[in-house]
Every structure is written in structure tokens, then in C-alpha cells.
């Protein structure tokens, strides 16, 4: 009942809250430092000499297998390049044929437009003669 009868002093209350906040920050900082120290521990490296190194026969066998795989990959690459070159050549032939046809259509369209302009002019002249 001692505290219930006392008048609360705002300055003392503020100071108490500041001290509690500071202490809470210190506790939080300490917890973060501990967690950081635990996660950043360097792992020990296990380096030792072994007596069962790869034999020359195993190494040569591995090199031969890799060279076979490499040679087959090179051969497949050569075949793909030849196939691509043939496709490009066929595409160029088709494009050249289309280009020739488009040029012919352009020429025909131009001649047709010229004929239409001539016909339009003749129709205008005939209409002018008919109204006079």
C-alpha cells in the first residue's frame, strides 16, 4: 500500500522507463552477439595424406572414357553444324524464290495502278463530254 498512496512523479517514471529500455537493448544486443558468435565458428578442415591414390591404369581408363565422350560430342556438333548450314541454304533458296515472286507482284500492281489511273482519266473525260 506504500506505492498506492504515493503521488506518481512523471520525471521519475520517465527515467525508470529510459533505464528499462536501455537494459532491454543491452540484453537484446548480447543475445545477438551470442547468436552471431555461434553461427560464425570456423569449421575444422580435415587434411590428411592417403595411401590409395589413383593408379595409372585407372587414370588412363578415365582419360580414354572422357576422350570418347568428347569425340562423340565433337562429332555431334559437326553434324549439327552441317545440318544447320543445309537448313540455312534451303531457307535462302526459298527466300530468293519468294523475293522474285514479290518483285513480280509489285511490277504487276504498279502496271495495274497505272492502267486504273488511265481508265479513271478516260471515264472523267467521257463524263465531261456527256454533260456538255
Foldseek 3Di string as FASTA:
>chain_A
DVVVPDDDDVVVVVVVVVVVVVVVVVVVVVVVVVVVVVVPDDDDDDDDDDDDDDDPVNVVVVVVVVVVVVVVVVVVVVVVVVVVVVVVVVVVVVVVVVVVVVVVVVVVVVVVVVVVVVVVVVVVVVVVVVVD
